[in-house]
């Protein structure tokens, strides 16, 4: 039970930490240095927490999925805010 809570917590953390990166990433041209940096910036933190928590490497796809979902969510929020700012 405790291991499950750690895994779910790490996936949620990877989602939350990736939302700001996805939000900011929308302001940069695709494939630019900052765009690339913002995609990969949360990964070392997620890896560090996974190692400190003693979670097996078998759960990397779950944390990667949480990170990708966070980046997509941040991008959607950024696009909607820009779209709402344009409409009078």
N, C-alpha and C. Protein backbone atom coordinates (compact mmCIF):
# COMPACT_ATOMS: atom_id res chain seq x y z
N UNK A 1 0.82 -1.19 0.00
CA UNK A 1 0.00 0.00 0.00
C UNK A 1 0.86 1.25 0.00
N UNK A 2 1.91 1.23 0.80
CA UNK A 2 2.80 2.39 0.90
C UNK A 2 3.52 2.64 -0.43
N UNK A 3 3.91 1.57 -1.10
CA UNK A 3 4.57 1.70 -2.39
C UNK A 3 3.65 2.28 -3.45
N UNK A 4 2.39 1.90 -3.39
CA UNK A 4 1.41 2.42 -4.34
C UNK A 4 1.22 3.91 -4.14
N UNK A 5 1.18 4.35 -2.90
CA UNK A 5 1.03 5.77 -2.62
C UNK A 5 2.24 6.54 -3.12
N UNK A 6 3.43 5.99 -2.95
CA UNK A 6 4.63 6.64 -3.46
C UNK A 6 4.60 6.77 -4.98
N UNK A 7 4.18 5.72 -5.66
CA UNK A 7 4.14 5.73 -7.12
C UNK A 7 3.11 6.74 -7.61
N UNK A 8 1.92 6.73 -7.03
CA UNK A 8 0.88 7.68 -7.43
C UNK A 8 1.33 9.11 -7.14
N UNK A 9 1.96 9.31 -6.00
CA UNK A 9 2.47 10.63 -5.65
C UNK A 9 3.53 11.11 -6.62
N UNK A 10 4.40 10.22 -7.06
CA UNK A 10 5.44 10.60 -8.01
C UNK A 10 4.85 10.93 -9.38
N UNK A 11 3.85 10.18 -9.80
CA UNK A 11 3.19 10.46 -11.08
C UNK A 11 2.48 11.81 -11.02
N UNK A 12 1.79 12.09 -9.92
CA UNK A 12 1.11 13.38 -9.76
C UNK A 12 2.13 14.51 -9.70
N UNK A 13 3.23 14.29 -8.99
CA UNK A 13 4.28 15.30 -8.93
C UNK A 13 4.86 15.57 -10.31
N UNK A 14 5.09 14.53 -11.10
CA UNK A 14 5.63 14.73 -12.44
C UNK A 14 4.65 15.50 -13.31
N UNK A 15 3.36 15.28 -13.13
CA UNK A 15 2.36 16.05 -13.86
C UNK A 15 2.38 17.51 -13.43
N UNK A 16 2.39 17.76 -12.14
CA UNK A 16 2.34 19.13 -11.62
C UNK A 16 3.58 19.92 -12.00
N UNK A 17 4.74 19.32 -11.92
CA UNK A 17 5.97 20.04 -12.22
C UNK A 17 6.12 20.31 -13.72
N UNK A 18 5.42 19.55 -14.55
CA UNK A 18 5.52 19.72 -15.99
C UNK A 18 4.53 20.73 -16.56
N UNK A 19 3.49 21.06 -15.83
CA UNK A 19 2.50 22.02 -16.33
C UNK A 19 3.13 23.39 -16.60
N UNK A 20 3.91 23.98 -15.68
CA UNK A 20 4.51 25.27 -16.00
C UNK A 20 5.46 25.22 -17.20
N UNK A 21 6.17 24.12 -17.35
CA UNK A 21 7.08 23.98 -18.50
C UNK A 21 6.30 23.94 -19.80
N UNK A 22 5.18 23.23 -19.82
CA UNK A 22 4.33 23.19 -21.00
C UNK A 22 3.70 24.54 -21.29
N UNK A 23 3.35 25.27 -20.26
CA UNK A 23 2.77 26.60 -20.41
C UNK A 23 3.77 27.58 -21.03
N UNK A 24 4.98 27.59 -20.49
CA UNK A 24 6.02 28.50 -20.97
C UNK A 24 6.50 28.09 -22.37
N UNK A 25 6.52 26.80 -22.63
CA UNK A 25 7.01 26.28 -23.90
C UNK A 25 6.22 26.80 -25.08
N UNK A 26 4.96 27.14 -24.88
CA UNK A 26 4.12 27.63 -25.96
C UNK A 26 4.58 28.99 -26.50
N UNK A 27 5.42 29.69 -25.75
CA UNK A 27 5.90 31.01 -26.16
C UNK A 27 7.15 30.95 -27.03
N UNK A 28 7.69 29.78 -27.26
CA UNK A 28 8.93 29.64 -28.02
C UNK A 28 8.68 28.88 -29.31
N UNK A 29 9.48 29.20 -30.33
CA UNK A 29 9.32 28.47 -31.60
C UNK A 29 9.66 26.99 -31.42
N UNK A 30 8.96 26.16 -32.19
CA UNK A 30 9.18 24.73 -32.12
C UNK A 30 10.62 24.40 -32.51
N UNK A 31 11.23 23.49 -31.78
CA UNK A 31 12.59 22.99 -31.98
C UNK A 31 13.67 24.02 -31.67
N UNK A 32 13.34 25.12 -31.00
CA UNK A 32 14.37 26.06 -30.57
C UNK A 32 15.04 25.50 -29.31
N UNK A 33 16.12 26.13 -28.89
CA UNK A 33 16.85 25.66 -27.71
C UNK A 33 15.97 25.69 -26.47
N UNK A 34 15.24 26.80 -26.24
CA UNK A 34 14.40 26.91 -25.04
C UNK A 34 13.24 25.91 -25.08
N UNK A 35 12.68 25.67 -26.25
CA UNK A 35 11.61 24.69 -26.41
C UNK A 35 12.12 23.31 -25.98
N UNK A 36 13.31 22.96 -26.45
CA UNK A 36 13.94 21.69 -26.12
C UNK A 36 14.26 21.61 -24.63
N UNK A 37 14.78 22.71 -24.08
CA UNK A 37 15.14 22.75 -22.66
C UNK A 37 13.90 22.59 -21.77
N UNK A 38 12.82 23.25 -22.13
CA UNK A 38 11.61 23.17 -21.31
C UNK A 38 10.96 21.79 -21.36
N UNK A 39 11.19 21.06 -22.43
CA UNK A 39 10.68 19.69 -22.49
C UNK A 39 11.44 18.79 -21.52
N UNK A 40 12.74 18.99 -21.44
CA UNK A 40 13.59 18.08 -20.66
C UNK A 40 13.91 18.57 -19.24
N UNK A 41 13.54 19.77 -18.90
CA UNK A 41 13.89 20.35 -17.60
C UNK A 41 13.35 19.56 -16.39
N UNK A 42 12.12 19.09 -16.38
CA UNK A 42 11.62 18.37 -15.19
C UNK A 42 12.18 16.96 -15.01
N UNK A 43 12.74 16.39 -16.05
CA UNK A 43 13.16 14.99 -16.01
C UNK A 43 14.19 14.69 -14.91
N UNK A 44 15.26 15.51 -14.74
CA UNK A 44 16.21 15.19 -13.66
C UNK A 44 15.58 15.20 -12.27
N UNK A 45 14.63 16.10 -12.04
CA UNK A 45 13.96 16.15 -10.73
C UNK A 45 13.12 14.90 -10.50
N UNK A 46 12.44 14.45 -11.54
CA UNK A 46 11.62 13.25 -11.43
C UNK A 46 12.51 12.03 -11.19
N UNK A 47 13.62 11.95 -11.89
CA UNK A 47 14.55 10.83 -11.70
C UNK A 47 15.13 10.84 -10.29
N UNK A 48 15.51 12.01 -9.82
CA UNK A 48 16.07 12.13 -8.47
C UNK A 48 15.06 11.66 -7.42
N UNK A 49 13.83 12.10 -7.53
CA UNK A 49 12.81 11.68 -6.57
C UNK A 49 12.52 10.19 -6.66
N UNK A 50 12.52 9.65 -7.88
CA UNK A 50 12.29 8.22 -8.04
C UNK A 50 13.39 7.42 -7.36
N UNK A 51 14.62 7.86 -7.53
CA UNK A 51 15.74 7.15 -6.90
C UNK A 51 15.73 7.29 -5.39
N UNK A 52 15.43 8.50 -4.88
CA UNK A 52 15.38 8.72 -3.43
C UNK A 52 14.25 7.93 -2.78
N UNK A 53 13.14 7.76 -3.50
CA UNK A 53 12.02 7.01 -2.95
C UNK A 53 12.22 5.50 -3.07
N UNK A 54 13.22 5.09 -3.84
CA UNK A 54 13.49 3.67 -3.99
C UNK A 54 12.51 2.96 -4.92
N UNK A 55 11.95 3.72 -5.85
CA UNK A 55 10.99 3.15 -6.79
C UNK A 55 11.76 2.54 -7.96
N UNK A 56 11.33 1.36 -8.38
CA UNK A 56 11.99 0.61 -9.45
C UNK A 56 11.91 1.34 -10.78
N UNK A 57 12.82 0.99 -11.67
CA UNK A 57 12.83 1.59 -13.00
C UNK A 57 11.64 1.14 -13.83
N UNK A 58 10.94 0.12 -13.38
CA UNK A 58 9.77 -0.38 -14.11
C UNK A 58 8.65 0.65 -14.18
N UNK A 59 8.68 1.66 -13.31
CA UNK A 59 7.62 2.66 -13.25
C UNK A 59 7.98 3.93 -14.01
N UNK A 60 9.06 3.91 -14.75
CA UNK A 60 9.44 5.07 -15.56
C UNK A 60 8.36 5.43 -16.58
N UNK A 61 7.72 4.47 -17.26
CA UNK A 61 6.66 4.87 -18.21
C UNK A 61 5.50 5.63 -17.55
N UNK A 62 5.18 5.31 -16.30
CA UNK A 62 4.12 6.03 -15.61
C UNK A 62 4.52 7.48 -15.34
N UNK A 63 5.74 7.68 -14.87
CA UNK A 63 6.19 9.04 -14.60
C UNK A 63 6.38 9.82 -15.90
N UNK A 64 6.82 9.15 -16.93
CA UNK A 64 6.96 9.80 -18.23
C UNK A 64 5.59 10.20 -18.77
N UNK A 65 4.61 9.34 -18.59
CA UNK A 65 3.25 9.67 -19.01
C UNK A 65 2.69 10.85 -18.24
N UNK A 66 2.97 10.91 -16.94
CA UNK A 66 2.53 12.06 -16.14
C UNK A 66 3.19 13.34 -16.59
N UNK A 67 4.46 13.25 -16.93
CA UNK A 67 5.19 14.43 -17.40
C UNK A 67 4.65 14.91 -18.74
N UNK A 68 4.41 14.00 -19.66
CA UNK A 68 3.86 14.38 -20.97
C UNK A 68 2.47 14.97 -20.80
N UNK A 69 1.66 14.37 -19.96
CA UNK A 69 0.31 14.90 -19.72
C UNK A 69 0.37 16.31 -19.13
N UNK A 70 1.32 16.56 -18.24
CA UNK A 70 1.48 17.89 -17.67
C UNK A 70 1.89 18.92 -18.71
N UNK A 71 2.77 18.54 -19.60
CA UNK A 71 3.19 19.46 -20.66
C UNK A 71 2.05 19.76 -21.63
N UNK A 72 1.26 18.75 -21.96
CA UNK A 72 0.10 18.95 -22.83
C UNK A 72 -0.92 19.85 -22.14
N UNK A 73 -1.18 19.59 -20.87
CA UNK A 73 -2.13 20.40 -20.10
C UNK A 73 -1.67 21.86 -20.02
N UNK A 74 -0.39 22.08 -19.76
CA UNK A 74 0.14 23.44 -19.72
C UNK A 74 0.02 24.15 -21.06
N UNK A 75 0.26 23.43 -22.15
CA UNK A 75 0.12 24.01 -23.48
C UNK A 75 -1.32 24.38 -23.80
N UNK A 76 -2.26 23.53 -23.39
CA UNK A 76 -3.68 23.81 -23.62
C UNK A 76 -4.10 25.05 -22.85
N UNK A 77 -3.67 25.17 -21.60
CA UNK A 77 -4.00 26.33 -20.78
C UNK A 77 -3.42 27.60 -21.41
N UNK A 78 -2.18 27.53 -21.88
CA UNK A 78 -1.56 28.70 -22.50
C UNK A 78 -2.29 29.13 -23.76
N UNK A 79 -2.65 28.17 -24.60
CA UNK A 79 -3.37 28.51 -25.84
C UNK A 79 -4.74 29.09 -25.53
N UNK A 80 -5.43 28.55 -24.56
CA UNK A 80 -6.77 29.07 -24.21
C UNK A 80 -6.68 30.48 -23.63
N UNK A 81 -5.67 30.74 -22.82
CA UNK A 81 -5.52 32.09 -22.27
C UNK A 81 -5.23 33.09 -23.36
N UNK A 82 -4.38 32.72 -24.32
CA UNK A 82 -4.09 33.61 -25.44
C UNK A 82 -5.34 33.83 -26.29
N UNK A 83 -6.10 32.77 -26.51
CA UNK A 83 -7.31 32.88 -27.32
C UNK A 83 -8.36 33.74 -26.63
N UNK A 84 -8.51 33.61 -25.33
CA UNK A 84 -9.47 34.44 -24.58
C UNK A 84 -9.03 35.89 -24.49
N UNK A 85 -7.74 36.15 -24.51
CA UNK A 85 -7.25 37.52 -24.46
C UNK A 85 -7.52 38.24 -25.78
N UNK A 86 -7.58 37.50 -26.89
CA UNK A 86 -7.81 38.11 -28.20
C UNK A 86 -9.27 38.45 -28.42
N UNK A 87 -10.18 37.70 -27.83
CA UNK A 87 -11.59 37.96 -28.05
C UNK A 87 -12.04 39.10 -27.15
N UNK A 88 -12.81 40.06 -27.69
CA UNK A 88 -13.24 41.21 -26.86
C UNK A 88 -14.35 40.90 -25.91
